[in-house]
C-alpha atoms as a PDB file:
ATOM      1  CA  MET A   1    -196.136  44.431  46.595  1.00  0.00           C
ATOM      2  CA  GLN A   2    -196.826  44.747  43.000  1.00  0.00           C
ATOM      3  CA  SER A   3    -193.337  46.220  41.308  1.00  0.00           C
ATOM      4  CA  ASN A   4    -193.400  48.644  38.516  1.00  0.00           C
ATOM      5  CA  ASN A   5    -190.733  46.164  36.260  1.00  0.00           C
ATOM      6  CA  PRO A   6    -192.170  45.627  32.970  1.00  0.00           C
ATOM      7  CA  PHE A   7    -190.859  41.821  33.900  1.00  0.00           C
ATOM      8  CA  VAL A   8    -193.143  41.398  36.405  1.00  0.00           C
ATOM      9  CA  LYS A   9    -196.053  42.311  33.661  1.00  0.00           C
ATOM     10  CA  ILE A  10    -194.830  39.059  31.363  1.00  0.00           C
ATOM     11  CA  LEU A  11    -193.620  36.937  34.734  1.00  0.00           C
ATOM     12  CA  ASN A  12    -197.488  36.442  36.389  1.00  0.00           C
ATOM     13  CA  ASP A  13    -198.353  32.903  37.192  1.00  0.00           C
ATOM     14  CA  LYS A  14    -200.371  31.991  33.915  1.00  0.00           C
ATOM     15  CA  ASN A  15    -197.510  32.791  31.051  1.00  0.00           C
ATOM     16  CA  ILE A  16    -194.821  31.192  34.251  1.00  0.00           C
ATOM     17  CA  ASN A  17    -197.048  28.041  33.390  1.00  0.00           C
ATOM     18  CA  VAL A  18    -197.195  27.946  29.994  1.00  0.00           C
ATOM     19  CA  VAL A  19    -193.878  28.597  29.593  1.00  0.00           C
ATOM     20  CA  ALA A  20    -192.848  25.890  31.944  1.00  0.00           C
ATOM     21  CA  ILE A  21    -195.171  23.204  29.889  1.00  0.00           C
ATOM     22  CA  ALA A  22    -194.085  24.584  26.759  1.00  0.00           C
ATOM     23  CA  ILE A  23    -190.590  24.773  26.371  1.00  0.00           C
ATOM     24  CA  PRO A  24    -190.360  20.911  27.290  1.00  0.00           C
ATOM     25  CA  VAL A  25    -192.737  20.266  25.064  1.00  0.00           C
ATOM     26  CA  ALA A  26    -191.487  21.511  22.575  1.00  0.00           C
ATOM     27  CA  VAL A  27    -188.177  20.452  23.045  1.00  0.00           C
ATOM     28  CA  ALA A  28    -189.450  16.783  23.360  1.00  0.00           C
ATOM     29  CA  LEU A  29    -191.219  17.440  19.540  1.00  0.00           C
ATOM     30  CA  LEU A  30    -188.327  19.067  18.200  1.00  0.00           C
ATOM     31  CA  LEU A  31    -186.356  15.613  18.898  1.00  0.00           C
ATOM     32  CA  GLY A  32    -188.520  13.361  17.207  1.00  0.00           C
ATOM     33  CA  LEU A  33    -188.769  15.367  13.867  1.00  0.00           C
ATOM     34  CA  PRO A  34    -188.240  13.432  11.389  1.00  0.00           C
ATOM     35  CA  PHE A  35    -185.847  15.640   9.242  1.00  0.00           C
ATOM     36  CA  LYS A  36    -182.989  17.869  10.328  1.00  0.00           C
ATOM     37  CA  LEU A  37    -182.676  21.188   8.458  1.00  0.00           C
ATOM     38  CA  ASP A  38    -178.824  22.412   6.733  1.00  0.00           C
ATOM     39  CA  LEU A  39    -177.711  25.331   8.366  1.00  0.00           C
ATOM     40  CA  GLY A  40    -173.884  24.187   7.552  1.00  0.00           C
ATOM     41  CA  ASP A  41    -171.101  23.120   9.078  1.00  0.00           C
ATOM     42  CA  TRP A  42    -170.986  25.390  12.091  1.00  0.00           C
ATOM     43  CA  THR A  43    -173.945  23.857  14.209  1.00  0.00           C
ATOM     44  CA  ASP A  44    -171.307  20.902  14.878  1.00  0.00           C
ATOM     45  CA  ALA A  45    -169.774  23.361  17.666  1.00  0.00           C
ATOM     46  CA  LEU A  46    -172.883  23.969  19.157  1.00  0.00           C
ATOM     47  CA  PRO A  47    -172.814  20.734  21.697  1.00  0.00           C
ATOM     48  CA  HIS A  48    -169.029  22.259  22.809  1.00  0.00           C
ATOM     49  CA  ILE A  49    -170.226  26.051  23.165  1.00  0.00           C
ATOM     50  CA  ASN A  50    -173.137  24.262  25.599  1.00  0.00           C
ATOM     51  CA  GLY A  51    -170.492  22.129  27.273  1.00  0.00           C
ATOM     52  CA  VAL A  52    -168.862  25.850  28.460  1.00  0.00           C
ATOM     53  CA  VAL A  53    -172.189  27.682  28.841  1.00  0.00           C
ATOM     54  CA  ASN A  54    -173.290  24.945  31.619  1.00  0.00           C
ATOM     55  CA  SER A  55    -169.981  25.339  32.833  1.00  0.00           C
ATOM     56  CA  LEU A  56    -170.533  29.022  33.152  1.00  0.00           C
ATOM     57  CA  THR A  57    -173.585  28.277  34.238  1.00  0.00           C
ATOM     58  CA  SER A  58    -172.529  26.084  37.305  1.00  0.00           C
ATOM     59  CA  LEU A  59    -169.636  29.025  38.021  1.00  0.00           C
ATOM     60  CA  PHE A  60    -172.230  31.806  38.257  1.00  0.00           C
ATOM     61  CA  LEU A  61    -174.983  30.303  40.076  1.00  0.00           C
ATOM     62  CA  LEU A  62    -171.977  29.502  42.820  1.00  0.00           C
ATOM     63  CA  ILE A  63    -170.902  33.521  42.726  1.00  0.00           C
ATOM     64  CA  ALA A  64    -174.486  34.284  43.072  1.00  0.00           C
ATOM     65  CA  LEU A  65    -174.649  31.987  46.237  1.00  0.00           C
ATOM     66  CA  ALA A  66    -171.529  33.310  47.719  1.00  0.00           C
ATOM     67  CA  ALA A  67    -172.518  36.694  46.788  1.00  0.00           C
ATOM     68  CA  ILE A  68    -176.169  36.497  48.773  1.00  0.00           C
ATOM     69  CA  ARG A  69    -174.714  34.456  51.717  1.00  0.00           C
ATOM     70  CA  ARG A  70    -172.218  37.873  51.973  1.00  0.00           C
ATOM     71  CA  GLY A  71    -175.113  40.216  51.646  1.00  0.00           C
ATOM     72  CA  ASN A  72    -173.744  41.692  48.013  1.00  0.00           C
ATOM     73  CA  ILE A  73    -177.424  42.094  46.243  1.00  0.00           C
ATOM     74  CA  THR A  74    -176.000  43.628  43.680  1.00  0.00           C
ATOM     75  CA  VAL A  75    -173.604  40.791  42.119  1.00  0.00           C
ATOM     76  CA  HIS A  76    -175.767  38.214  43.618  1.00  0.00           C
ATOM     77  CA  ARG A  77    -178.560  39.533  41.096  1.00  0.00           C
ATOM     78  CA  THR A  78    -176.111  40.309  38.584  1.00  0.00           C
ATOM     79  CA  SER A  79    -174.735  37.273  38.222  1.00  0.00           C
ATOM     80  CA  MET A  80    -178.268  35.492  38.543  1.00  0.00           C
ATOM     81  CA  LEU A  81    -179.251  37.455  35.516  1.00  0.00           C
ATOM     82  CA  ILE A  82    -175.859  36.191  33.624  1.00  0.00           C
ATOM     83  CA  CYS A  83    -177.205  32.806  34.304  1.00  0.00           C
ATOM     84  CA  VAL A  84    -181.153  33.026  33.135  1.00  0.00           C
ATOM     85  CA  ALA A  85    -179.463  34.690  29.849  1.00  0.00           C
ATOM     86  CA  LEU A  86    -176.807  31.888  29.708  1.00  0.00           C
ATOM     87  CA  GLY A  87    -180.016  29.421  29.914  1.00  0.00           C
ATOM     88  CA  LEU A  88    -181.865  31.280  27.341  1.00  0.00           C
ATOM     89  CA  PHE A  89    -178.646  30.882  25.005  1.00  0.00           C
ATOM     90  CA  PHE A  90    -178.203  27.315  25.874  1.00  0.00           C
ATOM     91  CA  LEU A  91    -182.118  26.644  24.807  1.00  0.00           C
ATOM     92  CA  ILE A  92    -181.479  28.807  21.781  1.00  0.00           C
ATOM     93  CA  THR A  93    -177.968  26.980  20.982  1.00  0.00           C
ATOM     94  CA  TYR A  94    -179.763  23.194  21.925  1.00  0.00           C
ATOM     95  CA  ILE A  95    -182.796  23.833  19.768  1.00  0.00           C
ATOM     96  CA  LEU A  96    -180.447  25.044  16.487  1.00  0.00           C
ATOM     97  CA  TYR A  97    -178.243  21.548  17.281  1.00  0.00           C
ATOM     98  CA  HIS A  98    -181.347  18.981  17.362  1.00  0.00           C
ATOM     99  CA  LEU A  99    -183.171  20.850  14.242  1.00  0.00           C
ATOM    100  CA  THR A 100    -179.746  20.034  12.275  1.00  0.00           C
ATOM    101  CA  HIS A 101    -178.658  17.355  13.622  1.00  0.00           C
ATOM    102  CA  THR A 102    -179.743  13.376  14.674  1.00  0.00           C
ATOM    103  CA  SER A 103    -178.880  12.587  18.290  1.00  0.00           C
ATOM    104  CA  THR A 104    -175.818  11.462  19.452  1.00  0.00           C
ATOM    105  CA  HIS A 105    -175.401   8.408  20.953  1.00  0.00           C
ATOM    106  CA  PHE A 106    -173.084   7.125  23.569  1.00  0.00           C
ATOM    107  CA  GLY A 107    -170.723   4.257  23.019  1.00  0.00           C
ATOM    108  CA  GLY A 108    -169.367   3.663  26.467  1.00  0.00           C
ATOM    109  CA  THR A 109    -169.735  -0.181  27.921  1.00  0.00           C
ATOM    110  CA  SER A 110    -170.401  -1.224  31.211  1.00  0.00           C
ATOM    111  CA  SER A 111    -170.647   0.578  34.363  1.00  0.00           C
ATOM    112  CA  VAL A 112    -170.111   3.754  32.293  1.00  0.00           C
ATOM    113  CA  LYS A 113    -172.935   3.252  30.660  1.00  0.00           C
ATOM    114  CA  TYR A 114    -175.201   2.953  33.495  1.00  0.00           C
ATOM    115  CA  VAL A 115    -173.607   5.981  35.001  1.00  0.00           C
ATOM    116  CA  TYR A 116    -173.810   8.432  31.839  1.00  0.00           C
ATOM    117  CA  TYR A 117    -177.645   7.096  31.181  1.00  0.00           C
ATOM    118  CA  PHE A 118    -178.717   8.513  35.217  1.00  0.00           C
ATOM    119  CA  LEU A 119    -176.978  11.549  34.645  1.00  0.00           C
ATOM    120  CA  LEU A 120    -178.559  12.285  31.081  1.00  0.00           C
ATOM    121  CA  ILE A 121    -182.233  11.151  32.429  1.00  0.00           C
ATOM    122  CA  THR A 122    -182.069  12.757  35.560  1.00  0.00           C
ATOM    123  CA  HIS A 123    -180.462  16.008  33.632  1.00  0.00           C
ATOM    124  CA  ILE A 124    -183.508  16.167  31.295  1.00  0.00           C
ATOM    125  CA  VAL A 125    -185.938  15.815  34.332  1.00  0.00           C
ATOM    126  CA  LEU A 126    -184.951  18.269  36.446  1.00  0.00           C
ATOM    127  CA  ALA A 127    -184.081  20.552  32.935  1.00  0.00           C
ATOM    128  CA  ALA A 128    -187.821  20.403  32.974  1.00  0.00           C
ATOM    129  CA  VAL A 129    -188.853  20.854  35.814  1.00  0.00           C
ATOM    130  CA  VAL A 130    -186.279  23.640  36.767  1.00  0.00           C
ATOM    131  CA  VAL A 131    -187.881  26.344  34.098  1.00  0.00           C
ATOM    132  CA  TYR A 132    -190.982  26.337  36.678  1.00  0.00           C
ATOM    133  CA  PHE A 133    -189.006  27.292  39.807  1.00  0.00           C
ATOM    134  CA  VAL A 134    -186.513  29.989  37.974  1.00  0.00           C
ATOM    135  CA  LEU A 135    -189.327  31.980  36.422  1.00  0.00           C
ATOM    136  CA  LYS A 136    -190.746  32.223  40.317  1.00  0.00           C
ATOM    137  CA  ALA A 137    -188.121  32.725  41.560  1.00  0.00           C
ATOM    138  CA  LEU A 138    -187.440  35.654  38.936  1.00  0.00           C
ATOM    139  CA  TYR A 139    -190.987  36.523  39.627  1.00  0.00           C
ATOM    140  CA  PHE A 140    -190.959  36.788  43.062  1.00  0.00           C
ATOM    141  CA  ALA A 141    -187.151  39.181  43.176  1.00  0.00           C
ATOM    142  CA  PHE A 142    -189.041  41.240  40.783  1.00  0.00           C
ATOM    143  CA  ASN A 143    -191.902  41.802  42.880  1.00  0.00           C
ATOM    144  CA  GLY A 144    -189.905  42.161  45.614  1.00  0.00           C
ATOM    145  CA  ASP A 145    -191.583  39.431  47.666  1.00  0.00           C
ATOM    146  CA  PHE A 146    -188.000  37.911  48.898  1.00  0.00           C
ATOM    147  CA  GLU A 147    -190.012  35.575  51.691  1.00  0.00           C
ATOM    148  CA  ARG A 148    -191.067  34.198  48.880  1.00  0.00           C
ATOM    149  CA  HIS A 149    -188.180  34.078  46.542  1.00  0.00           C
ATOM    150  CA  LYS A 150    -186.332  32.361  48.961  1.00  0.00           C
ATOM    151  CA  LYS A 151    -189.139  29.517  49.277  1.00  0.00           C
ATOM    152  CA  VAL A 152    -188.974  29.028  46.072  1.00  0.00           C
ATOM    153  CA  VAL A 153    -184.866  29.261  45.465  1.00  0.00           C
ATOM    154  CA  LYS A 154    -184.795  26.803  48.071  1.00  0.00           C
ATOM    155  CA  TRP A 155    -185.609  24.190  45.036  1.00  0.00           C
ATOM    156  CA  ALA A 156    -184.493  26.267  42.453  1.00  0.00           C
ATOM    157  CA  PHE A 157    -180.662  26.138  43.389  1.00  0.00           C
ATOM    158  CA  PRO A 158    -180.040  22.942  43.551  1.00  0.00           C
ATOM    159  CA  ILE A 159    -182.168  21.786  40.813  1.00  0.00           C
ATOM    160  CA  TRP A 160    -180.527  24.123  38.814  1.00  0.00           C
ATOM    161  CA  LEU A 161    -177.058  23.900  39.626  1.00  0.00           C
ATOM    162  CA  TYR A 162    -177.263  19.908  39.704  1.00  0.00           C
ATOM    163  CA  VAL A 163    -178.523  19.993  35.924  1.00  0.00           C
ATOM    164  CA  SER A 164    -175.747  22.302  34.667  1.00  0.00           C
ATOM    165  CA  VAL A 165    -173.019  20.240  36.261  1.00  0.00           C
ATOM    166  CA  SER A 166    -174.996  17.107  35.190  1.00  0.00           C
ATOM    167  CA  GLY A 167    -174.536  18.769  31.617  1.00  0.00           C
ATOM    168  CA  VAL A 168    -170.716  19.439  31.886  1.00  0.00           C
ATOM    169  CA  LEU A 169    -170.560  15.719  32.575  1.00  0.00           C
ATOM    170  CA  VAL A 170    -173.104  14.523  30.257  1.00  0.00           C
ATOM    171  CA  TYR A 171    -171.552  16.592  27.230  1.00  0.00           C
ATOM    172  CA  LEU A 172    -167.654  15.461  28.678  1.00  0.00           C
ATOM    173  CA  MET A 173    -168.679  11.747  28.530  1.00  0.00           C
ATOM    174  CA  ILE A 174    -170.225  11.542  25.325  1.00  0.00           C
ATOM    175  CA  SER A 175    -168.035  14.121  23.252  1.00  0.00           C
ATOM    176  CA  PRO A 176    -166.009  11.560  21.963  1.00  0.00           C
ATOM    177  CA  TYR A 177    -168.753   9.806  20.112  1.00  0.00           C
ATOM    178  CA  TYR A 178    -169.758  13.384  18.204  1.00  0.00           C
ATOM    179  CA  LYS A 179    -169.476  12.852  14.633  1.00  0.00           C
END
């Protein structure tokens, strides 16, 4: 069943694949830029804002899960669209921060350092992976193909929740080292 939703025309297999590859590649290239832009001191607040955004994303993912388990499709849909909007906002602010600042180095020692790097690496890898699953889940939902939506969400939801929660933990661990 093909939906009349305009997002379905944008969210097709080709575009989903392109976006799911382009975002992580663009972010990786961005991190390697040999220069930084000066957009002002306001960009110093972006990691703190992103910590809040990841917290809100975690909260709304859990609200969406509870809503769909109760059969409240309206709350589920609204919560998930809020999560998508938060994800887009996060991506924009993350890019702005890394266009204007060098990466902050973690200063912790001993086992805390290993926990931090485990969380950071898994967070980064899964953040890149989850884009594909979220876009596919959106596509199937907008198309009304809820059987395929459910199959994709079995992967998308736990990965996205891990990425948002680990993002908060990584932020909390590195925040003392921001200049």
